[in-house]
C-alpha cells in the first residue's frame, strides 16, 4: 500500500469516527435539554402546589375571620 492510500483510509476512518462521536454528543445534548425541561417542570409543579396550599390557607383565614367577626357581634 502506498503512503497516500494509507493516509486516505485513515482520513476516511477519522471522518467516520468524528461523525459517530458527533451523533453521541447530539444525543447527549438532547437528553441534557430534556433533563433541564424536566427540572423546570418540577419547579413549576412545586409552585402550583404551593399556590394551591396558599388558596387553602386563604380560605381557612377567611372562614376564621368570618367566625371571629360573628362571635364578636354577640
Foldseek 3Di string as FASTA:
>chain_A
DDPVVVVVVVVVVVVVVVVVVVVVVVVVVVVVVVVVVVVVVVVVVVVVVVVVVVVVVVVVVVVVVVVVVVVVVD
